[in-house]
Protein backbone atom coordinates (compact mmCIF):
# COMPACT_ATOMS: atom_id res chain seq x y z
CA MET A 1 103.06 148.94 190.01
CA LYS A 2 104.79 149.12 186.61
CA ASN A 3 106.25 145.77 187.36
CA ILE A 4 102.87 144.27 188.13
CA SER A 5 101.40 145.88 184.96
CA LEU A 6 104.26 144.37 182.96
CA ILE A 7 103.79 140.94 184.34
CA MET A 8 100.05 141.09 183.54
CA MET A 9 100.72 141.93 179.99
CA ILE A 10 103.19 139.14 179.39
CA PHE A 11 100.80 136.79 181.06
CA THR A 12 97.91 138.02 178.82
CA GLY A 13 100.26 137.59 175.74
CA ILE A 14 101.14 134.05 176.70
CA LEU A 15 97.52 133.16 177.37
CA ALA A 16 96.34 134.38 174.08
CA SER A 17 99.28 132.69 172.26
CA SER A 18 98.31 129.40 174.08
CA CYS A 19 94.73 129.73 172.91
CA SER A 20 95.80 130.31 169.45
CA GLU A 21 98.12 127.15 169.33
CA SER A 22 95.29 125.14 171.01
CA GLU A 23 92.90 126.15 168.28
CA LYS A 24 95.58 125.14 165.59
CA ASP A 25 96.07 121.77 167.39
CA LYS A 26 92.34 121.21 167.30
CA THR A 27 92.35 121.86 163.55
CA THR A 28 95.18 119.51 162.97
CA GLN A 29 93.83 116.94 165.12
CA ALA A 30 90.53 116.99 163.00
CA GLY A 31 92.66 115.31 160.25
CA LEU A 32 92.02 114.91 156.52
CA LYS A 33 88.57 113.44 155.93
CA VAL A 34 88.62 110.29 153.95
CA LYS A 35 86.51 107.02 153.26
CA ALA A 36 87.89 103.71 154.11
CA ALA A 37 87.07 100.05 153.89
CA THR A 38 88.24 97.01 155.81
CA ILE A 39 90.46 94.33 154.29
CA GLU A 40 88.37 91.15 153.80
CA ILE A 41 89.27 87.77 152.79
CA SER A 42 86.79 86.23 150.06
CA SER A 43 86.59 82.80 148.46
CA ASN A 44 87.00 82.80 144.78
CA PRO A 45 87.39 80.08 142.17
CA LYS A 46 90.97 78.91 141.99
CA ALA A 47 92.47 79.81 138.80
CA TYR A 48 95.24 78.00 136.91
CA ASP A 49 97.09 79.69 134.08
CA TYR A 50 98.79 77.98 131.02
CA THR A 51 100.41 79.31 127.90
CA GLY A 52 99.65 77.78 124.44
CA ILE A 53 99.64 78.50 120.65
CA VAL A 54 96.57 78.77 118.49
CA GLN A 55 96.31 76.34 115.70
CA ALA A 56 93.68 75.08 113.15
CA GLN A 57 91.75 72.05 114.13
CA LYS A 58 91.94 70.72 110.63
CA GLN A 59 95.36 70.90 108.85
CA SER A 60 97.27 68.77 106.53
CA THR A 61 100.52 68.58 104.71
CA VAL A 62 100.23 67.57 101.15
CA ALA A 63 102.65 65.04 99.62
CA THR A 64 103.17 62.83 96.69
CA ARG A 65 104.10 58.99 96.30
CA LEU A 66 106.04 59.75 93.09
CA MET A 67 109.57 60.58 91.88
CA GLY A 68 109.31 63.35 89.39
CA GLN A 69 109.96 66.99 88.55
CA VAL A 70 107.41 69.63 89.86
CA GLU A 71 105.93 70.66 86.62
CA GLN A 72 103.38 73.40 87.85
CA ILE A 73 102.38 74.99 91.21
CA LEU A 74 98.99 76.61 90.91
CA VAL A 75 98.73 78.35 94.33
CA GLU A 76 100.74 80.50 96.60
CA LYS A 77 100.79 81.03 100.37
CA GLY A 78 97.57 82.71 101.54
CA ASP A 79 95.44 81.46 98.64
CA ARG A 80 91.98 79.98 99.45
CA VAL A 81 91.30 76.76 97.77
CA LYS A 82 88.15 74.59 97.35
CA LYS A 83 87.97 70.72 97.70
CA GLY A 84 89.32 69.14 94.58
CA ASP A 85 91.16 72.28 93.17
CA LEU A 86 94.39 71.15 91.44
CA LEU A 87 97.29 72.38 93.49
CA VAL A 88 100.52 70.92 92.14
CA SER A 89 101.25 69.02 88.88
CA ILE A 90 104.41 66.61 88.75
CA ARG A 91 105.68 65.38 85.47
CA SER A 92 104.30 62.08 84.77
CA ASN A 93 105.28 60.93 81.26
CA ALA A 94 106.16 57.34 82.44
CA ILE A 95 102.76 57.09 84.13
CA VAL A 96 101.02 58.53 80.88
CA ALA A 97 102.85 55.90 78.88
CA LYS A 98 101.87 53.12 81.28
CA GLU A 99 98.18 54.26 81.14
CA GLN A 100 98.35 53.95 77.36
CA GLN A 101 99.70 50.38 77.73
CA VAL A 102 96.96 49.55 80.18
CA GLU A 103 94.15 50.85 77.88
CA ALA A 104 95.57 48.72 75.06
CA GLY A 105 95.57 45.78 77.31
CA ILE A 106 91.93 46.43 78.25
CA THR A 107 90.92 46.63 74.64
CA GLU A 108 92.75 43.35 73.92
CA ALA A 109 91.28 41.61 76.86
CA THR A 110 87.83 42.90 76.04
CA ALA A 111 87.91 41.67 72.62
CA ALA A 112 89.18 38.26 73.69
CA PHE A 113 86.38 38.14 76.51
CA GLU A 114 83.69 38.92 73.98
CA ASN A 115 84.78 36.23 71.70
CA VAL A 116 85.10 33.56 74.32
CA GLU A 117 81.62 34.82 75.77
CA ASN A 118 79.95 34.36 72.26
CA ASN A 119 81.48 30.86 71.91
CA PHE A 120 80.27 29.99 75.40
CA LYS A 121 76.74 30.99 74.67
CA ARG A 122 76.71 28.94 71.45
CA ILE A 123 78.17 25.74 72.97
CA LYS A 124 75.89 25.94 75.89
CA THR A 125 72.90 26.16 73.53
CA LEU A 126 74.15 22.99 71.90
CA TYR A 127 74.90 21.29 75.18
CA ASP A 128 71.41 22.05 76.40
CA LYS A 129 70.14 20.24 73.19
CA GLU A 130 72.62 17.45 73.67
CA SER A 131 74.37 18.38 70.53
CA ALA A 132 77.73 19.10 72.41
CA THR A 133 79.75 16.88 74.57
CA GLN A 134 80.42 17.38 78.24
CA LYS A 135 84.06 17.98 77.55
CA GLU A 136 83.30 20.65 74.95
CA PHE A 137 81.08 22.58 77.35
CA ASP A 138 83.63 22.23 80.31
CA ASP A 139 86.59 23.48 78.06
CA ILE A 140 84.63 26.67 76.90
CA LYS A 141 83.37 27.24 80.43
CA THR A 142 87.00 27.30 81.48
CA GLN A 143 88.17 29.57 78.74
CA PHE A 144 85.23 31.88 79.60
CA LYS A 145 86.39 32.28 83.20
CA MET A 146 89.97 32.77 82.22
CA ALA A 147 88.93 35.52 79.76
CA GLU A 148 86.78 37.15 82.28
CA ALA A 149 89.72 37.00 84.86
CA ARG A 150 92.09 38.58 82.33
CA LEU A 151 89.58 41.39 81.69
CA GLU A 152 89.21 42.19 85.29
CA ALA A 153 92.95 42.18 85.89
CA ALA A 154 93.44 44.60 83.06
CA LYS A 155 90.80 46.91 84.73
CA GLN A 156 92.54 46.58 87.99
CA ARG A 157 95.89 47.79 86.40
CA ARG A 158 93.85 50.73 85.10
CA ARG A 159 92.63 51.65 88.69
CA GLU A 160 96.25 51.30 89.73
CA VAL A 161 97.30 53.80 87.05
CA ASP A 162 94.62 56.17 87.96
CA GLU A 163 95.64 56.09 91.72
CA MET A 164 99.23 56.94 90.56
CA LEU A 165 97.92 59.86 88.54
CA GLN A 166 96.15 61.23 91.51
CA TYR A 167 99.68 61.70 93.01
CA ALA A 168 100.90 63.32 90.03
CA ASN A 169 98.13 65.84 90.11
CA ILE A 170 97.83 66.93 93.66
CA ARG A 171 94.40 68.30 94.57
CA SER A 172 93.00 70.02 97.70
CA PRO A 173 91.55 67.48 100.23
CA TYR A 174 88.99 70.12 101.70
CA ASP A 175 88.09 73.74 101.51
CA GLY A 176 90.95 75.73 103.25
CA THR A 177 93.92 78.02 102.94
CA VAL A 178 97.53 77.40 101.87
CA ILE A 179 99.70 78.40 104.76
CA ASN A 180 102.97 77.09 103.43
CA LYS A 181 104.73 76.07 100.27
CA PHE A 182 107.79 73.72 100.52
CA VAL A 183 108.83 73.44 96.75
CA ASN A 184 109.08 75.54 93.57
CA THR A 185 108.41 74.74 89.84
CA GLY A 186 111.41 72.53 88.60
CA ASP A 187 112.21 70.99 91.94
CA MET A 188 112.47 67.20 92.12
CA ALA A 189 109.73 65.68 94.35
CA SER A 190 110.16 62.31 95.94
CA PRO A 191 107.75 59.86 97.68
CA GLY A 192 106.57 61.43 101.15
CA MET A 193 108.21 64.73 100.40
CA PRO A 194 105.88 67.54 101.69
CA LEU A 195 104.69 69.99 98.94
CA LEU A 196 102.12 72.30 100.55
CA ALA A 197 100.45 72.87 104.01
CA ILE A 198 96.78 73.53 104.07
CA GLU A 199 94.53 74.33 106.94
CA ALA A 200 90.69 74.76 107.14
CA PRO A 201 89.80 78.42 108.39
CA GLY A 202 87.37 79.17 111.19
CA ALA A 203 88.01 76.13 113.39
CA PHE A 204 90.83 76.79 115.75
CA GLU A 205 92.10 75.20 118.84
CA VAL A 206 94.88 76.02 121.48
CA LEU A 207 97.68 73.58 122.03
CA SER A 208 98.87 73.94 125.60
CA ARG A 209 100.85 71.78 128.23
CA ILE A 210 100.11 71.15 131.91
CA PRO A 211 102.39 69.76 134.52
CA GLU A 212 101.80 66.11 135.63
CA SER A 213 100.85 67.42 139.31
CA GLU A 214 97.86 69.17 137.69
CA MET A 215 97.02 66.28 135.17
CA ASN A 216 93.94 64.97 137.17
CA LEU A 217 92.42 68.14 137.61
CA TRP A 218 90.93 68.41 134.19
CA SER A 219 88.83 66.35 131.88
CA ALA A 220 87.42 66.63 128.37
CA GLY A 221 84.42 68.93 128.35
CA ASP A 222 85.68 71.43 131.07
CA THR A 223 85.32 75.11 129.92
CA ALA A 224 88.24 77.55 129.67
CA VAL A 225 88.94 81.14 129.08
CA VAL A 226 91.57 81.98 126.42
CA GLU A 227 93.08 85.41 126.25
CA ILE A 228 94.85 86.25 122.89
CA SER A 229 96.77 89.53 123.76
CA SER A 230 97.92 90.17 120.24
CA VAL A 231 94.32 90.98 119.17
CA ASN A 232 93.11 91.95 122.57
CA GLU A 233 90.34 89.36 122.67
CA THR A 234 89.12 86.80 125.33
CA VAL A 235 87.55 83.73 123.73
CA LYS A 236 85.56 80.95 125.24
CA GLY A 237 86.97 77.45 124.91
CA VAL A 238 86.39 73.89 126.10
CA ILE A 239 88.90 71.09 126.60
CA THR A 240 88.65 68.56 123.72
CA ASN A 241 91.63 66.35 124.45
CA ILE A 242 94.13 65.48 127.04
CA SER A 243 97.22 63.53 126.03
CA PRO A 244 97.34 60.27 128.17
CA SER A 245 101.19 60.17 127.79
CA SER A 246 104.00 62.70 128.04
CA LYS A 247 106.55 60.48 126.17
CA PHE A 248 106.85 62.97 123.38
CA SER A 249 106.35 66.21 125.32
CA GLY A 250 108.71 65.98 128.23
CA PRO A 251 107.54 66.19 131.81
CA GLN A 252 104.20 67.91 130.71
CA TYR A 253 101.12 66.59 129.16
CA GLU A 254 99.72 68.21 126.00
CA ILE A 255 95.96 69.45 126.12
CA LEU A 256 93.82 70.92 123.37
CA ILE A 257 91.30 73.59 124.02
CA GLY A 258 88.71 74.05 121.24
CA LEU A 259 87.88 77.62 120.77
CA ILE A 260 84.31 79.07 120.50
CA PRO A 261 84.78 82.47 118.92
CA ASP A 262 82.04 84.84 117.84
CA ASP A 263 81.64 86.10 114.36
CA ASP A 264 84.04 89.01 114.87
CA GLN A 265 86.69 86.99 116.72
CA THR A 266 86.51 84.32 113.94
CA SER A 267 87.77 86.87 111.44
CA ILE A 268 90.83 88.06 113.43
CA VAL A 269 92.09 84.86 115.11
CA ARG A 270 94.99 83.28 113.26
CA SER A 271 97.20 80.09 113.57
CA GLY A 272 100.42 80.74 115.60
CA MET A 273 99.12 83.52 117.92
CA PHE A 274 100.22 83.09 121.53
CA ALA A 275 97.34 82.34 124.00
CA ASN A 276 97.06 82.52 127.68
CA VAL A 277 94.63 79.68 129.05
CA LYS A 278 92.83 80.17 132.29
CA LEU A 279 91.05 77.04 133.81
CA HIS A 280 89.28 77.13 137.16
CA HIS A 281 89.04 74.29 139.76
CA GLY A 282 88.03 74.50 143.31
CA THR A 283 88.14 77.58 145.43
CA GLU A 284 90.76 79.75 147.22
CA GLU A 285 90.90 82.54 149.86
CA VAL A 286 92.08 85.72 148.45
CA VAL A 287 92.37 89.43 149.27
CA GLU A 288 91.18 91.80 146.53
CA VAL A 289 90.97 95.64 146.25
CA PRO A 290 89.75 97.92 143.44
CA SER A 291 92.57 98.22 140.93
CA GLU A 292 92.09 102.02 140.84
CA LEU A 293 93.43 102.26 144.53
CA ILE A 294 96.70 100.60 143.67
CA VAL A 295 99.69 102.99 143.88
CA GLU A 296 102.82 102.50 141.91
CA ARG A 297 106.18 104.22 142.49
CA GLY A 298 108.77 103.00 140.44
CA GLN A 299 108.98 99.30 140.62
CA LEU A 300 107.14 99.22 144.00
CA THR A 301 103.41 98.72 144.38
CA GLY A 302 101.31 99.76 147.42
CA ILE A 303 98.03 100.94 148.71
CA TRP A 304 97.11 103.64 151.21
CA MET A 305 96.20 102.29 154.64
CA VAL A 306 95.06 103.75 157.93
CA ASN A 307 97.20 102.72 160.90
CA PRO A 308 95.67 102.36 164.45
CA GLN A 309 96.65 106.00 165.21
CA ASP A 310 94.43 107.02 162.21
CA LYS A 311 97.41 108.00 160.12
CA ALA A 312 97.72 107.44 156.60
CA LEU A 313 100.71 105.63 155.10
CA VAL A 314 101.59 103.68 151.90
CA ARG A 315 101.78 99.93 152.50
CA TRP A 316 103.92 98.16 149.99
CA ILE A 317 102.35 94.89 148.82
CA ARG A 318 102.91 92.03 146.25
CA PRO A 319 100.05 92.15 143.72
CA GLY A 320 98.55 89.18 142.00
CA ARG A 321 96.37 88.80 138.96
CA GLU A 322 93.75 91.55 138.09
CA LEU A 323 90.25 90.48 137.13
CA ASN A 324 87.07 92.35 136.66
CA GLY A 325 88.60 95.67 137.98
CA LYS A 326 90.04 94.26 141.08
CA THR A 327 93.64 93.31 141.93
CA GLU A 328 94.49 90.29 144.21
CA ILE A 329 97.01 91.13 146.95
CA LEU A 330 99.19 88.28 147.64
CA SER A 331 100.99 89.74 150.70
CA GLY A 332 101.39 92.95 152.66
CA VAL A 333 98.14 93.43 154.29
CA LYS A 334 96.08 91.41 156.82
CA SER A 335 92.48 90.86 157.32
CA GLY A 336 90.61 93.64 159.47
CA GLU A 337 93.10 96.38 158.48
CA ARG A 338 91.69 99.59 156.90
CA TYR A 339 92.57 101.00 153.42
CA ILE A 340 91.59 104.28 152.08
CA THR A 341 88.96 104.28 149.25
CA GLU A 342 88.34 108.13 148.85
CA HIS A 343 90.08 111.18 149.76
CA ASP A 344 89.64 114.92 148.87
CA ALA A 345 93.20 116.26 149.23
CA ARG A 346 96.74 114.89 148.60
CA LEU A 347 97.94 112.12 150.95
CA TYR A 348 101.28 111.73 152.41
CA ASP A 349 102.80 109.39 155.04
CA GLY A 350 101.84 110.39 158.53
CA ILE A 351 99.11 112.72 157.81
CA LEU A 352 96.10 112.38 160.40
CA VAL A 353 92.88 111.34 158.70
CA GLU A 354 89.20 111.31 159.82
CA ILE A 355 87.08 108.48 158.40
CA ASN A 356 83.75 109.49 157.34
């Protein structure tokens, strides 16, 4: 009897233990409650990325056509100037002396012309009254035309000197900003030598290059999105010009994108800033997930997935570009697979989950 009682107690203990483990298994099998979504392939505009440099649409290098010493520089880098403002003065004693000679020549030619003109009028009056011969009238008419031509030649020499003086006193061609200075006071200037660089503020464009394989995708008037990371701004743009030749730009073609900034952006965008140009053409099939679901561990990037056995695991992926709060997944997942969007407790690989 004692043996039977002992056996019954052991059996009862085993049964109770079994029931307890069974309840525990049921709790474990219930899994962590999560929310999930299905990987879907969507059709988005196909984006092309190019790099470029911001530059002013209107920029000039000021030079001279004279040989002479720089006498005065009236501006510095960063100065704003108005159209017609004097920028650089070059010593022009020889031109001033020539101007004085020209003025003397004009005075002499004017006096000679007025004298001949008076004689012409007098003889013409006599000729009309038949008191002067035909030869006298022809001679004075010839003298009048010669005097008139000499006066015009003298005036033309003055215009030539005035033109030379313009290159001795360099003025701003338009309202703008001095962005560079290539000479100092006392330097010797020569014809064609750059003195200053000026650009018109406010109107900017991006100079970029595109490969020949994508040359025919774009045309003037296409819209673009330009990201300027240094000032954390995204500016609207439009293609204004595509070079028809790559002779001077290697295997790529130059493209200009005119910027359309708002008032705030106009005040902070500057020439020389690095820009990333985004253009769209056609569509492409992509997989996108909310960027907040992306997991980063060291140099690895992943997302929490649910396998066919309803267990959570991190799937390592190759991410693409990020736009509007979503990240493109280039590889690592397939259409129809499930990924976790919400969870109330910490996830770890292999944990059983229950999708609400």
